[in-house]
Amino acid sequence: MTRDDIIKMAREAGFNPVSYTGANLELFERFAALVADSAIKPWADQLDAERKRFSEYNEMVVGAMQDVRRDEREACAKAVEDYCGAWDDEGYALATAIRSKGEK
């Protein structure tokens, strides 16, 4: 923030260097709010961008974890089928139960 930025905000808040004769709390409060907003705005924009990136990354990771879990269940079910035989009723029931574990 430059000196000119601060002077511009002071004028926007209502300070008039030519006719200013004393302290006015309302003017100082408006001026302080303008300075705070101008100092915080770039950080707030960056924070919003980072939140969006985190959200997108989080969705990607959650999706990848769901894929891994599905693949793991399928591998376990296949191992049960291979061990018990695909036509064994108990093996088939166990493999089906493993596969359906991820379904809601």
Protein backbone atom coordinates (compact mmCIF):
# COMPACT_ATOMS: atom_id res chain seq x y z
CA MET A 1 0.00 0.00 0.00
CA THR A 2 1.46 3.34 -1.01
CA ARG A 3 1.23 6.80 0.55
CA ASP A 4 -1.11 7.84 -2.27
CA ASP A 5 -3.40 4.88 -1.50
CA ILE A 6 -3.65 5.97 2.13
CA ILE A 7 -4.34 9.59 1.17
CA LYS A 8 -7.02 8.44 -1.27
CA MET A 9 -8.68 6.33 1.44
CA ALA A 10 -8.53 9.26 3.89
CA ARG A 11 -10.30 11.48 1.36
CA GLU A 12 -12.81 8.69 0.65
CA ALA A 13 -13.51 8.46 4.39
CA GLY A 14 -14.29 12.19 4.45
CA PHE A 15 -11.05 13.81 5.58
CA ASN A 16 -10.44 17.16 3.92
CA PRO A 17 -6.89 18.38 4.62
CA VAL A 18 -7.83 21.98 3.82
CA SER A 19 -10.77 22.30 6.21
CA TYR A 20 -9.86 19.67 8.82
CA THR A 21 -9.96 21.26 12.26
CA GLY A 22 -10.31 18.42 14.77
CA ALA A 23 -10.82 14.79 15.51
CA ASN A 24 -14.02 13.17 14.34
CA LEU A 25 -14.43 9.59 15.53
CA GLU A 26 -16.74 8.63 12.65
CA LEU A 27 -14.16 9.77 10.08
CA PHE A 28 -11.39 7.82 11.81
CA GLU A 29 -13.59 4.70 11.96
CA ARG A 30 -14.44 4.94 8.25
CA PHE A 31 -10.77 5.51 7.46
CA ALA A 32 -9.68 2.54 9.59
CA ALA A 33 -12.28 0.31 7.87
CA LEU A 34 -11.02 1.33 4.43
CA VAL A 35 -7.40 0.66 5.38
CA ALA A 36 -8.30 -2.71 6.92
CA ASP A 37 -10.32 -3.74 3.86
CA SER A 38 -7.54 -2.81 1.47
CA ALA A 39 -4.96 -4.67 3.55
CA ILE A 40 -7.09 -7.79 4.02
CA LYS A 41 -8.63 -8.11 0.53
CA PRO A 42 -5.58 -9.64 -1.22
CA TRP A 43 -5.19 -12.19 1.57
CA ALA A 44 -8.89 -13.04 1.54
CA ASP A 45 -8.79 -13.60 -2.22
CA GLN A 46 -5.75 -15.85 -1.86
CA LEU A 47 -7.41 -17.77 0.96
CA ASP A 48 -10.52 -18.35 -1.17
CA ALA A 49 -8.34 -19.65 -4.02
CA GLU A 50 -6.50 -21.99 -1.65
CA ARG A 51 -9.79 -23.27 -0.20
CA LYS A 52 -11.01 -24.05 -3.72
CA ARG A 53 -7.77 -25.86 -4.59
CA PHE A 54 -7.95 -27.87 -1.37
CA SER A 55 -11.56 -28.82 -2.04
CA GLU A 56 -10.72 -30.01 -5.56
CA TYR A 57 -7.70 -31.94 -4.29
CA ASN A 58 -9.75 -33.47 -1.47
CA GLU A 59 -12.43 -34.64 -3.94
CA MET A 60 -9.72 -36.23 -6.08
CA VAL A 61 -8.17 -38.05 -3.10
CA VAL A 62 -11.56 -39.27 -1.85
CA GLY A 63 -12.37 -40.60 -5.32
CA ALA A 64 -8.99 -42.35 -5.54
CA MET A 65 -9.46 -43.92 -2.11
CA GLN A 66 -12.90 -45.20 -3.11
CA ASP A 67 -11.37 -46.76 -6.22
CA VAL A 68 -8.63 -48.42 -4.15
CA ARG A 69 -11.14 -49.82 -1.68
CA ARG A 70 -13.35 -51.14 -4.51
CA ASP A 71 -10.35 -52.80 -6.16
CA GLU A 72 -9.28 -54.31 -2.82
CA ARG A 73 -12.78 -55.74 -2.22
CA GLU A 74 -12.82 -57.20 -5.71
CA ALA A 75 -9.40 -58.80 -5.19
CA CYS A 76 -10.56 -60.33 -1.90
CA ALA A 77 -13.78 -61.61 -3.46
CA LYS A 78 -11.81 -63.10 -6.35
CA ALA A 79 -9.42 -64.79 -3.92
CA VAL A 80 -12.39 -66.35 -2.07
CA GLU A 81 -13.86 -67.57 -5.38
CA ASP A 82 -10.51 -69.02 -6.44
CA TYR A 83 -10.06 -70.78 -3.11
CA CYS A 84 -13.63 -72.04 -2.64
CA GLY A 85 -14.58 -72.49 -6.25
CA ALA A 86 -16.97 -70.19 -8.07
CA TRP A 87 -19.86 -72.61 -7.68
CA ASP A 88 -19.48 -73.28 -3.95
CA ASP A 89 -22.55 -71.74 -2.27
CA GLU A 90 -20.67 -70.54 0.82
CA GLY A 91 -17.79 -69.16 -1.24
CA TYR A 92 -20.21 -67.44 -3.59
CA ALA A 93 -22.12 -65.93 -0.64
CA LEU A 94 -18.89 -64.70 0.96
CA ALA A 95 -17.59 -63.21 -2.31
CA THR A 96 -20.95 -61.50 -2.87
CA ALA A 97 -20.89 -60.10 0.68
CA ILE A 98 -17.36 -58.75 0.18
CA ARG A 99 -18.30 -57.06 -3.09
CA SER A 100 -21.46 -55.52 -1.62
CA LYS A 101 -19.59 -54.11 1.40
CA GLY A 102 -18.91 -50.87 -0.47
CA GLU A 103 -22.48 -50.41 -1.67
CA LYS A 104 -24.88 -48.24 0.26
